[in-house]
Amino acid sequence: MSDPMFRGVMPALVTPFRDGQVDEAAFVALVERQIAAGVHGLVPVGTTGETATLNHDEHRRVVELCVQTARGRVPVIAGAGSNSTAEAIELTRHAKTVGADAALVVTPYYNRPSQEGLYAHYQAINDAVQLPVLVYNVPGRTSVDISNEILARLAILPNIVGIKDATGDLGRASGQRVECGEDWVMLSGNDDAGLGYMAHGGHGCISVTCNVAPEACAQFYNDALAGQWQGALYGQDRLIRLHKALFSDASPAPTKFALAHLGLCLEDVRLPIVPASEASRAEVLAGMRDAGLI
């Protein structure tokens, strides 16, 4: 296996709120907790960070705060996606300006570009900003799926370095690894598929569960990267119920409930997301018990 630019587990960080505003003190504490637990990187203002309901000033501030708090101890991959190419370029430029190590750029959603449109989108970002970019492919949210053929073309560009793959298609991972080359960074976007994705040659995961159980997630990915598959299987079994529970209601409401239960932040979310249902809360608590968190 190559030594990729980014590897291991990186939390898709929640953005805590208090009184309708970003709770900066809580966010800093969450970042420090992740680093202390041994995570391999940080990903602010993705879907789990409720970027859809952050205004641009809030988005930029959360990225800045993450970079400032990390202080180079682990890499920061800043969410910078948009269904407007010009806006994605602007957010990627900001990420570079404040010192992020890479940008995570989701495939354009709602306007559903063609495969050639997807290539042109990422090529424009590549040409505009000298910063490593990870493609985020999550067709369940965006209604567009970028093909391995397009990714292989993008992998030739100097600033398009890898993918966060949330398709759940593990067979695709092996094909992509062959087509995109050994330097292509492959990160899973699905916690519950982590074990299989790593066995198919993946390098790590941008993880929701890591918000709640950073030590266990870091250990799981350390085991998988070292080829310690028995330890990784134990970690998968320990976390699987929590992986599922954190999506038992609209994300990130279950994750924020779990963090609130641990006393780490409020469970406040922004509309149209609402707090986790009672059924979801019961599932989250059961998953936390299985993971040894409570």
C-alpha atoms as a PDB file:
ATOM      1  CA  MET A   1       0.000   0.000   0.000  1.00  0.00           C
ATOM      2  CA  SER A   2       1.233   3.508  -0.789  1.00  0.00           C
ATOM      3  CA  ASP A   3       1.762   6.104   1.943  1.00  0.00           C
ATOM      4  CA  PRO A   4      -1.136   8.449   1.171  1.00  0.00           C
ATOM      5  CA  MET A   5      -1.356  12.138   1.873  1.00  0.00           C
ATOM      6  CA  PHE A   6      -4.317  11.551   4.206  1.00  0.00           C
ATOM      7  CA  ARG A   7      -5.078   8.348   6.090  1.00  0.00           C
ATOM      8  CA  GLY A   8      -6.763   6.971   9.183  1.00  0.00           C
ATOM      9  CA  VAL A   9      -9.909   8.361  10.784  1.00  0.00           C
ATOM     10  CA  MET A  10     -11.023  11.972  10.605  1.00  0.00           C
ATOM     11  CA  PRO A  11     -14.213  13.165  12.288  1.00  0.00           C
ATOM     12  CA  ALA A  12     -16.791  14.949  10.166  1.00  0.00           C
ATOM     13  CA  LEU A  13     -17.094  17.480  12.952  1.00  0.00           C
ATOM     14  CA  VAL A  14     -20.439  18.700  14.237  1.00  0.00           C
ATOM     15  CA  THR A  15     -20.920  22.440  14.611  1.00  0.00           C
ATOM     16  CA  PRO A  16     -22.273  23.047  18.125  1.00  0.00           C
ATOM     17  CA  PHE A  17     -24.801  25.816  18.649  1.00  0.00           C
ATOM     18  CA  ARG A  18     -25.889  27.850  21.659  1.00  0.00           C
ATOM     19  CA  ASP A  19     -28.667  30.459  21.550  1.00  0.00           C
ATOM     20  CA  GLY A  20     -28.774  30.163  17.764  1.00  0.00           C
ATOM     21  CA  GLN A  21     -25.087  30.968  17.313  1.00  0.00           C
ATOM     22  CA  VAL A  22     -22.012  28.812  16.766  1.00  0.00           C
ATOM     23  CA  ASP A  23     -20.736  27.759  20.195  1.00  0.00           C
ATOM     24  CA  GLU A  24     -17.056  28.445  19.605  1.00  0.00           C
ATOM     25  CA  ALA A  25     -15.895  27.315  23.056  1.00  0.00           C
ATOM     26  CA  ALA A  26     -17.651  23.974  22.663  1.00  0.00           C
ATOM     27  CA  PHE A  27     -16.236  23.552  19.155  1.00  0.00           C
ATOM     28  CA  VAL A  28     -12.687  24.151  20.359  1.00  0.00           C
ATOM     29  CA  ALA A  29     -13.185  21.636  23.169  1.00  0.00           C
ATOM     30  CA  LEU A  30     -14.526  19.051  20.704  1.00  0.00           C
ATOM     31  CA  VAL A  31     -11.486  19.537  18.456  1.00  0.00           C
ATOM     32  CA  GLU A  32      -9.097  19.170  21.400  1.00  0.00           C
ATOM     33  CA  ARG A  33     -10.902  15.978  22.478  1.00  0.00           C
ATOM     34  CA  GLN A  34     -10.488  14.494  19.012  1.00  0.00           C
ATOM     35  CA  ILE A  35      -6.775  15.267  18.835  1.00  0.00           C
ATOM     36  CA  ALA A  36      -6.181  13.895  22.333  1.00  0.00           C
ATOM     37  CA  ALA A  37      -7.943  10.683  21.306  1.00  0.00           C
ATOM     38  CA  GLY A  38      -5.481  10.100  18.468  1.00  0.00           C
ATOM     39  CA  VAL A  39      -7.498  10.900  15.350  1.00  0.00           C
ATOM     40  CA  HIS A  40      -5.574  11.385  12.120  1.00  0.00           C
ATOM     41  CA  GLY A  41      -7.227  14.585  10.876  1.00  0.00           C
ATOM     42  CA  LEU A  42     -10.217  16.900  11.178  1.00  0.00           C
ATOM     43  CA  VAL A  43     -13.016  17.757   8.746  1.00  0.00           C
ATOM     44  CA  PRO A  44     -15.045  20.871   9.641  1.00  0.00           C
ATOM     45  CA  VAL A  45     -18.151  22.205   7.851  1.00  0.00           C
ATOM     46  CA  GLY A  46     -19.230  19.102   6.014  1.00  0.00           C
ATOM     47  CA  THR A  47     -22.771  17.751   5.987  1.00  0.00           C
ATOM     48  CA  THR A  48     -22.439  16.668   9.633  1.00  0.00           C
ATOM     49  CA  GLY A  49     -21.294  20.209  10.418  1.00  0.00           C
ATOM     50  CA  GLU A  50     -24.653  21.506   9.106  1.00  0.00           C
ATOM     51  CA  THR A  51     -22.938  23.536   6.428  1.00  0.00           C
ATOM     52  CA  ALA A  52     -26.244  23.837   4.545  1.00  0.00           C
ATOM     53  CA  THR A  53     -27.600  26.109   7.284  1.00  0.00           C
ATOM     54  CA  LEU A  54     -24.415  27.990   8.150  1.00  0.00           C
ATOM     55  CA  ASN A  55     -24.077  31.385   6.548  1.00  0.00           C
ATOM     56  CA  HIS A  56     -20.817  32.154   4.755  1.00  0.00           C
ATOM     57  CA  ASP A  57     -19.331  34.075   7.678  1.00  0.00           C
ATOM     58  CA  GLU A  58     -20.077  31.188  10.036  1.00  0.00           C
ATOM     59  CA  HIS A  59     -18.660  28.672   7.573  1.00  0.00           C
ATOM     60  CA  ARG A  60     -15.419  30.597   7.249  1.00  0.00           C
ATOM     61  CA  ARG A  61     -15.148  31.159  10.992  1.00  0.00           C
ATOM     62  CA  VAL A  62     -15.539  27.456  11.797  1.00  0.00           C
ATOM     63  CA  VAL A  63     -12.778  26.563   9.327  1.00  0.00           C
ATOM     64  CA  GLU A  64     -10.502  29.242  10.796  1.00  0.00           C
ATOM     65  CA  LEU A  65     -11.231  28.083  14.338  1.00  0.00           C
ATOM     66  CA  CYS A  66     -10.482  24.475  13.444  1.00  0.00           C
ATOM     67  CA  VAL A  67      -7.153  25.358  11.833  1.00  0.00           C
ATOM     68  CA  GLN A  68      -6.196  27.633  14.716  1.00  0.00           C
ATOM     69  CA  THR A  69      -7.067  25.004  17.316  1.00  0.00           C
ATOM     70  CA  ALA A  70      -5.343  22.151  15.496  1.00  0.00           C
ATOM     71  CA  ARG A  71      -2.103  24.182  15.232  1.00  0.00           C
ATOM     72  CA  GLY A  72      -0.656  21.722  12.734  1.00  0.00           C
ATOM     73  CA  ARG A  73      -0.952  18.720  15.042  1.00  0.00           C
ATOM     74  CA  VAL A  74      -3.220  16.942  12.547  1.00  0.00           C
ATOM     75  CA  PRO A  75      -4.300  17.930   9.028  1.00  0.00           C
ATOM     76  CA  VAL A  76      -7.516  19.882   8.483  1.00  0.00           C
ATOM     77  CA  ILE A  77      -9.654  19.088   5.435  1.00  0.00           C
ATOM     78  CA  ALA A  78     -12.152  21.926   5.125  1.00  0.00           C
ATOM     79  CA  GLY A  79     -15.575  21.433   3.598  1.00  0.00           C
ATOM     80  CA  ALA A  80     -15.774  23.666   0.534  1.00  0.00           C
ATOM     81  CA  GLY A  81     -18.516  22.206  -1.616  1.00  0.00           C
ATOM     82  CA  SER A  82     -21.265  23.954  -3.518  1.00  0.00           C
ATOM     83  CA  ASN A  83     -23.462  23.339  -6.525  1.00  0.00           C
ATOM     84  CA  SER A  84     -22.037  26.587  -7.895  1.00  0.00           C
ATOM     85  CA  THR A  85     -18.508  26.142  -9.208  1.00  0.00           C
ATOM     86  CA  ALA A  86     -17.668  29.780  -8.514  1.00  0.00           C
ATOM     87  CA  GLU A  87     -18.757  29.436  -4.887  1.00  0.00           C
ATOM     88  CA  ALA A  88     -16.809  26.188  -4.456  1.00  0.00           C
ATOM     89  CA  ILE A  89     -13.714  27.974  -5.761  1.00  0.00           C
ATOM     90  CA  GLU A  90     -14.293  30.848  -3.332  1.00  0.00           C
ATOM     91  CA  LEU A  91     -14.629  28.483  -0.350  1.00  0.00           C
ATOM     92  CA  THR A  92     -11.579  26.492  -1.428  1.00  0.00           C
ATOM     93  CA  ARG A  93      -9.562  29.712  -1.712  1.00  0.00           C
ATOM     94  CA  HIS A  94     -10.621  30.668   1.784  1.00  0.00           C
ATOM     95  CA  ALA A  95      -9.587  27.253   3.117  1.00  0.00           C
ATOM     96  CA  LYS A  96      -6.126  27.733   1.608  1.00  0.00           C
ATOM     97  CA  THR A  97      -5.840  31.298   2.896  1.00  0.00           C
ATOM     98  CA  VAL A  98      -6.481  30.305   6.527  1.00  0.00           C
ATOM     99  CA  GLY A  99      -4.119  27.337   6.421  1.00  0.00           C
ATOM    100  CA  ALA A 100      -6.277  24.262   5.825  1.00  0.00           C
ATOM    101  CA  ASP A 101      -4.371  21.306   4.415  1.00  0.00           C
ATOM    102  CA  ALA A 102      -7.021  20.316   1.855  1.00  0.00           C
ATOM    103  CA  ALA A 103     -10.601  20.929   0.796  1.00  0.00           C
ATOM    104  CA  LEU A 104     -13.470  18.442   0.646  1.00  0.00           C
ATOM    105  CA  VAL A 105     -15.691  19.300  -2.327  1.00  0.00           C
ATOM    106  CA  VAL A 106     -18.993  17.494  -2.755  1.00  0.00           C
ATOM    107  CA  THR A 107     -20.355  16.735  -6.206  1.00  0.00           C
ATOM    108  CA  PRO A 108     -22.798  19.510  -7.196  1.00  0.00           C
ATOM    109  CA  TYR A 109     -26.261  18.736  -5.885  1.00  0.00           C
ATOM    110  CA  TYR A 110     -29.742  19.539  -7.200  1.00  0.00           C
ATOM    111  CA  ASN A 111     -28.626  20.820 -10.600  1.00  0.00           C
ATOM    112  CA  ARG A 112     -27.368  17.282 -11.403  1.00  0.00           C
ATOM    113  CA  PRO A 113     -24.567  17.954 -13.899  1.00  0.00           C
ATOM    114  CA  SER A 114     -23.506  15.416 -16.522  1.00  0.00           C
ATOM    115  CA  GLN A 115     -20.297  13.423 -16.119  1.00  0.00           C
ATOM    116  CA  GLU A 116     -18.529  15.967 -18.311  1.00  0.00           C
ATOM    117  CA  GLY A 117     -20.009  18.736 -16.163  1.00  0.00           C
ATOM    118  CA  LEU A 118     -18.588  17.045 -13.063  1.00  0.00           C
ATOM    119  CA  TYR A 119     -15.163  16.835 -14.675  1.00  0.00           C
ATOM    120  CA  ALA A 120     -15.302  20.508 -15.642  1.00  0.00           C
ATOM    121  CA  HIS A 121     -16.378  21.487 -12.114  1.00  0.00           C
ATOM    122  CA  TYR A 122     -13.383  19.849 -10.456  1.00  0.00           C
ATOM    123  CA  GLN A 123     -11.001  20.883 -13.219  1.00  0.00           C
ATOM    124  CA  ALA A 124     -11.988  24.515 -12.649  1.00  0.00           C
ATOM    125  CA  ILE A 125     -11.271  24.193  -8.912  1.00  0.00           C
ATOM    126  CA  ASN A 126      -7.976  22.456  -9.655  1.00  0.00           C
ATOM    127  CA  ASP A 127      -6.952  25.279 -11.981  1.00  0.00           C
ATOM    128  CA  ALA A 128      -8.037  28.083  -9.638  1.00  0.00           C
ATOM    129  CA  VAL A 129      -6.552  27.051  -6.273  1.00  0.00           C
ATOM    130  CA  GLN A 130      -3.272  25.338  -5.396  1.00  0.00           C
ATOM    131  CA  LEU A 131      -4.675  23.179  -2.613  1.00  0.00           C
ATOM    132  CA  PRO A 132      -5.267  19.416  -2.441  1.00  0.00           C
ATOM    133  CA  VAL A 133      -8.916  18.601  -3.139  1.00  0.00           C
ATOM    134  CA  LEU A 134     -10.856  15.486  -2.199  1.00  0.00           C
ATOM    135  CA  VAL A 135     -13.950  14.696  -4.242  1.00  0.00           C
ATOM    136  CA  TYR A 136     -16.957  13.811  -2.078  1.00  0.00           C
ATOM    137  CA  ASN A 137     -19.265  11.345  -3.804  1.00  0.00           C
ATOM    138  CA  VAL A 138     -22.546  10.860  -1.927  1.00  0.00           C
ATOM    139  CA  PRO A 139     -25.262  10.171  -4.512  1.00  0.00           C
ATOM    140  CA  GLY A 140     -27.869   9.464  -1.825  1.00  0.00           C
ATOM    141  CA  ARG A 141     -27.762  13.176  -0.941  1.00  0.00           C
ATOM    142  CA  THR A 142     -26.777  14.826  -4.215  1.00  0.00           C
ATOM    143  CA  SER A 143     -28.653  12.718  -6.803  1.00  0.00           C
ATOM    144  CA  VAL A 144     -25.495  12.597  -8.919  1.00  0.00           C
ATOM    145  CA  ASP A 145     -22.852   9.868  -8.993  1.00  0.00           C
ATOM    146  CA  ILE A 146     -19.363  10.537 -10.324  1.00  0.00           C
ATOM    147  CA  SER A 147     -17.997   7.574 -12.266  1.00  0.00           C
ATOM    148  CA  ASN A 148     -14.643   5.858 -11.829  1.00  0.00           C
ATOM    149  CA  GLU A 149     -13.821   6.849 -15.402  1.00  0.00           C
ATOM    150  CA  ILE A 150     -14.171  10.545 -14.556  1.00  0.00           C
ATOM    151  CA  LEU A 151     -12.245  10.079 -11.313  1.00  0.00           C
ATOM    152  CA  ALA A 152      -9.400   8.462 -13.252  1.00  0.00           C
ATOM    153  CA  ARG A 153      -9.238  11.562 -15.455  1.00  0.00           C
ATOM    154  CA  LEU A 154      -9.365  13.850 -12.430  1.00  0.00           C
ATOM    155  CA  ALA A 155      -6.601  11.875 -10.697  1.00  0.00           C
ATOM    156  CA  ILE A 156      -4.192  13.096 -13.384  1.00  0.00           C
ATOM    157  CA  LEU A 157      -4.750  16.716 -12.313  1.00  0.00           C
ATOM    158  CA  PRO A 158      -2.210  17.927  -9.739  1.00  0.00           C
ATOM    159  CA  ASN A 159      -4.630  19.165  -7.076  1.00  0.00           C
ATOM    160  CA  ILE A 160      -7.330  16.476  -7.204  1.00  0.00           C
ATOM    161  CA  VAL A 161      -5.849  13.930  -4.819  1.00  0.00           C
ATOM    162  CA  GLY A 162      -8.574  11.537  -3.693  1.00  0.00           C
ATOM    163  CA  ILE A 163     -12.126  10.807  -2.671  1.00  0.00           C
ATOM    164  CA  LYS A 164     -14.546  10.504   0.192  1.00  0.00           C
ATOM    165  CA  ASP A 165     -16.713   7.658  -1.052  1.00  0.00           C
ATOM    166  CA  ALA A 166     -20.184   7.373   0.463  1.00  0.00           C
ATOM    167  CA  THR A 167     -21.680   5.174  -2.235  1.00  0.00           C
ATOM    168  CA  GLY A 168     -21.529   1.993  -0.150  1.00  0.00           C
ATOM    169  CA  ASP A 169     -20.305   0.130  -3.261  1.00  0.00           C
ATOM    170  CA  LEU A 170     -17.228  -1.735  -2.069  1.00  0.00           C
ATOM    171  CA  GLY A 171     -16.543  -3.348  -5.428  1.00  0.00           C
ATOM    172  CA  ARG A 172     -16.208   0.101  -6.919  1.00  0.00           C
ATOM    173  CA  ALA A 173     -13.400   0.824  -4.458  1.00  0.00           C
ATOM    174  CA  SER A 174     -11.165  -1.905  -5.895  1.00  0.00           C
ATOM    175  CA  GLY A 175     -11.800  -0.754  -9.444  1.00  0.00           C
ATOM    176  CA  GLN A 176     -11.129   2.855  -8.487  1.00  0.00           C
ATOM    177  CA  ARG A 177      -7.862   1.962  -6.805  1.00  0.00           C
ATOM    178  CA  VAL A 178      -6.659   0.301 -10.004  1.00  0.00           C
ATOM    179  CA  GLU A 179      -7.907   3.056 -12.329  1.00  0.00           C
ATOM    180  CA  CYS A 180      -6.774   6.084 -10.303  1.00  0.00           C
ATOM    181  CA  GLY A 181      -3.335   4.837  -9.293  1.00  0.00           C
ATOM    182  CA  GLU A 182      -1.474   4.190  -6.075  1.00  0.00           C
ATOM    183  CA  ASP A 183      -1.267   7.847  -5.041  1.00  0.00           C
ATOM    184  CA  TRP A 184      -5.076   8.291  -5.085  1.00  0.00           C
ATOM    185  CA  VAL A 185      -6.372   8.845  -1.516  1.00  0.00           C
ATOM    186  CA  MET A 186      -9.400   6.658  -0.737  1.00  0.00           C
ATOM    187  CA  LEU A 187     -11.479   7.559   2.326  1.00  0.00           C
ATOM    188  CA  SER A 188     -14.799   5.969   3.173  1.00  0.00           C
ATOM    189  CA  GLY A 189     -17.765   8.166   3.980  1.00  0.00           C
ATOM    190  CA  ASN A 190     -19.742   5.336   5.579  1.00  0.00           C
ATOM    191  CA  ASP A 191     -18.747   4.223   9.066  1.00  0.00           C
ATOM    192  CA  ASP A 192     -20.533   0.889   8.839  1.00  0.00           C
ATOM    193  CA  ALA A 193     -18.614  -0.024   5.655  1.00  0.00           C
ATOM    194  CA  GLY A 194     -15.237   0.884   7.114  1.00  0.00           C
ATOM    195  CA  LEU A 195     -13.919  -2.642   7.571  1.00  0.00           C
ATOM    196  CA  GLY A 196     -14.813  -3.719   4.046  1.00  0.00           C
ATOM    197  CA  TYR A 197     -13.563  -0.481   2.507  1.00  0.00           C
ATOM    198  CA  MET A 198     -10.177  -0.867   4.182  1.00  0.00           C
ATOM    199  CA  ALA A 199      -9.955  -4.484   2.988  1.00  0.00           C
ATOM    200  CA  HIS A 200     -10.552  -3.213  -0.552  1.00  0.00           C
ATOM    201  CA  GLY A 201      -7.511  -0.970  -0.269  1.00  0.00           C
ATOM    202  CA  GLY A 202      -8.980   2.135   1.369  1.00  0.00           C
ATOM    203  CA  HIS A 203      -6.823   4.445   3.446  1.00  0.00           C
ATOM    204  CA  GLY A 204      -9.306   5.581   6.086  1.00  0.00           C
ATOM    205  CA  CYS A 205     -12.629   7.241   6.785  1.00  0.00           C
ATOM    206  CA  ILE A 206     -14.229  10.634   7.257  1.00  0.00           C
ATOM    207  CA  SER A 207     -16.381   9.512  10.147  1.00  0.00           C
ATOM    208  CA  VAL A 208     -19.549  10.616  11.906  1.00  0.00           C
ATOM    209  CA  THR A 209     -19.142   8.091  14.722  1.00  0.00           C
ATOM    210  CA  CYS A 210     -15.718   9.502  15.532  1.00  0.00           C
ATOM    211  CA  ASN A 211     -17.461  12.569  16.980  1.00  0.00           C
ATOM    212  CA  VAL A 212     -18.832  10.346  19.728  1.00  0.00           C
ATOM    213  CA  ALA A 213     -16.221   7.574  20.085  1.00  0.00           C
ATOM    214  CA  PRO A 214     -12.877   8.968  18.893  1.00  0.00           C
ATOM    215  CA  GLU A 215     -10.600   6.582  20.792  1.00  0.00           C
ATOM    216  CA  ALA A 216     -12.415   3.476  19.552  1.00  0.00           C
ATOM    217  CA  CYS A 217     -12.512   4.778  15.961  1.00  0.00           C
ATOM    218  CA  ALA A 218      -8.808   5.690  16.034  1.00  0.00           C
ATOM    219  CA  GLN A 219      -7.926   2.232  17.331  1.00  0.00           C
ATOM    220  CA  PHE A 220     -10.053   0.557  14.656  1.00  0.00           C
ATOM    221  CA  TYR A 221      -8.313   2.411  11.832  1.00  0.00           C
ATOM    222  CA  ASN A 222      -4.867   1.937  13.353  1.00  0.00           C
ATOM    223  CA  ASP A 223      -5.552  -1.812  13.406  1.00  0.00           C
ATOM    224  CA  ALA A 224      -6.859  -1.841   9.838  1.00  0.00           C
ATOM    225  CA  LEU A 225      -3.929   0.191   8.506  1.00  0.00           C
ATOM    226  CA  ALA A 226      -1.519  -2.203  10.237  1.00  0.00           C
ATOM    227  CA  GLY A 227      -3.273  -5.267   8.804  1.00  0.00           C
ATOM    228  CA  GLN A 228      -4.396  -6.349  12.266  1.00  0.00           C
ATOM    229  CA  TRP A 229      -7.696  -7.637  10.962  1.00  0.00           C
ATOM    230  CA  GLN A 230      -8.760  -9.526  14.091  1.00  0.00           C
ATOM    231  CA  GLY A 231      -8.473  -6.351  16.139  1.00  0.00           C
ATOM    232  CA  ALA A 232     -10.264  -4.398  13.421  1.00  0.00           C
ATOM    233  CA  LEU A 233     -13.093  -6.955  13.371  1.00  0.00           C
ATOM    234  CA  TYR A 234     -13.481  -6.577  17.131  1.00  0.00           C
ATOM    235  CA  GLY A 235     -13.617  -2.800  16.720  1.00  0.00           C
ATOM    236  CA  GLN A 236     -16.209  -3.067  13.948  1.00  0.00           C
ATOM    237  CA  ASP A 237     -18.435  -5.292  16.071  1.00  0.00           C
ATOM    238  CA  ARG A 238     -18.072  -2.969  19.058  1.00  0.00           C
ATOM    239  CA  LEU A 239     -19.110   0.083  17.055  1.00  0.00           C
ATOM    240  CA  ILE A 240     -21.607  -1.269  14.536  1.00  0.00           C
ATOM    241  CA  ARG A 241     -24.746  -0.511  16.548  1.00  0.00           C
ATOM    242  CA  LEU A 242     -23.562   3.035  17.195  1.00  0.00           C
ATOM    243  CA  HIS A 243     -22.751   3.489  13.489  1.00  0.00           C
ATOM    244  CA  LYS A 244     -26.350   2.596  12.644  1.00  0.00           C
ATOM    245  CA  ALA A 245     -27.897   4.530  15.543  1.00  0.00           C
ATOM    246  CA  LEU A 246     -26.303   7.828  14.524  1.00  0.00           C
ATOM    247  CA  PHE A 247     -28.397   7.674  11.347  1.00  0.00           C
ATOM    248  CA  SER A 248     -31.613   6.540  13.010  1.00  0.00           C
ATOM    249  CA  ASP A 249     -32.906  10.098  12.532  1.00  0.00           C
ATOM    250  CA  ALA A 250     -31.862  13.028  10.345  1.00  0.00           C
ATOM    251  CA  SER A 251     -28.146  13.617  10.831  1.00  0.00           C
ATOM    252  CA  PRO A 252     -26.577  15.156  12.842  1.00  0.00           C
ATOM    253  CA  ALA A 253     -29.411  15.175  15.414  1.00  0.00           C
ATOM    254  CA  PRO A 254     -28.554  11.714  16.861  1.00  0.00           C
ATOM    255  CA  THR A 255     -24.852  12.598  17.030  1.00  0.00           C
ATOM    256  CA  LYS A 256     -25.563  15.859  18.835  1.00  0.00           C
ATOM    257  CA  PHE A 257     -27.822  13.989  21.254  1.00  0.00           C
ATOM    258  CA  ALA A 258     -24.964  11.580  22.006  1.00  0.00           C
ATOM    259  CA  LEU A 259     -22.516  14.441  22.560  1.00  0.00           C
ATOM    260  CA  ALA A 260     -25.019  16.241  24.790  1.00  0.00           C
ATOM    261  CA  HIS A 261     -25.476  13.034  26.798  1.00  0.00           C
ATOM    262  CA  LEU A 262     -21.705  13.029  27.344  1.00  0.00           C
ATOM    263  CA  GLY A 263     -21.864  16.690  28.443  1.00  0.00           C
ATOM    264  CA  LEU A 264     -19.778  17.939  25.516  1.00  0.00           C
ATOM    265  CA  CYS A 265     -22.182  20.369  23.817  1.00  0.00           C
ATOM    266  CA  LEU A 266     -25.868  21.176  23.494  1.00  0.00           C
ATOM    267  CA  GLU A 267     -27.966  19.055  21.163  1.00  0.00           C
ATOM    268  CA  ASP A 268     -29.230  22.148  19.329  1.00  0.00           C
ATOM    269  CA  VAL A 269     -29.644  21.768  15.561  1.00  0.00           C
ATOM    270  CA  ARG A 270     -30.904  24.162  12.908  1.00  0.00           C
ATOM    271  CA  LEU A 271     -34.142  23.823  11.010  1.00  0.00           C
ATOM    272  CA  PRO A 272     -35.121  21.933   8.964  1.00  0.00           C
ATOM    273  CA  ILE A 273     -33.246  19.406  11.166  1.00  0.00           C
ATOM    274  CA  VAL A 274     -35.038  18.856  14.478  1.00  0.00           C
ATOM    275  CA  PRO A 275     -33.835  17.101  17.647  1.00  0.00           C
ATOM    276  CA  ALA A 276     -33.630  13.318  17.581  1.00  0.00           C
ATOM    277  CA  SER A 277     -36.818  11.379  18.233  1.00  0.00           C
ATOM    278  CA  GLU A 278     -37.306   9.297  21.365  1.00  0.00           C
ATOM    279  CA  ALA A 279     -36.870   6.097  19.355  1.00  0.00           C
ATOM    280  CA  SER A 280     -33.611   7.416  17.921  1.00  0.00           C
ATOM    281  CA  ARG A 281     -32.363   8.430  21.362  1.00  0.00           C
ATOM    282  CA  ALA A 282     -32.966   4.916  22.669  1.00  0.00           C
ATOM    283  CA  GLU A 283     -30.976   3.471  19.765  1.00  0.00           C
ATOM    284  CA  VAL A 284     -28.128   5.923  20.335  1.00  0.00           C
ATOM    285  CA  LEU A 285     -27.900   5.062  24.031  1.00  0.00           C
ATOM    286  CA  ALA A 286     -27.877   1.349  23.218  1.00  0.00           C
ATOM    287  CA  GLY A 287     -25.079   1.915  20.689  1.00  0.00           C
ATOM    288  CA  MET A 288     -23.115   3.963  23.208  1.00  0.00           C
ATOM    289  CA  ARG A 289     -23.422   1.135  25.726  1.00  0.00           C
ATOM    290  CA  ASP A 290     -22.171  -1.404  23.175  1.00  0.00           C
ATOM    291  CA  ALA A 291     -19.203   0.869  22.481  1.00  0.00           C
ATOM    292  CA  GLY A 292     -18.415   1.175  26.180  1.00  0.00           C
ATOM    293  CA  LEU A 293     -19.060   4.905  26.300  1.00  0.00           C
ATOM    294  CA  ILE A 294     -21.709   4.794  29.027  1.00  0.00           C
END
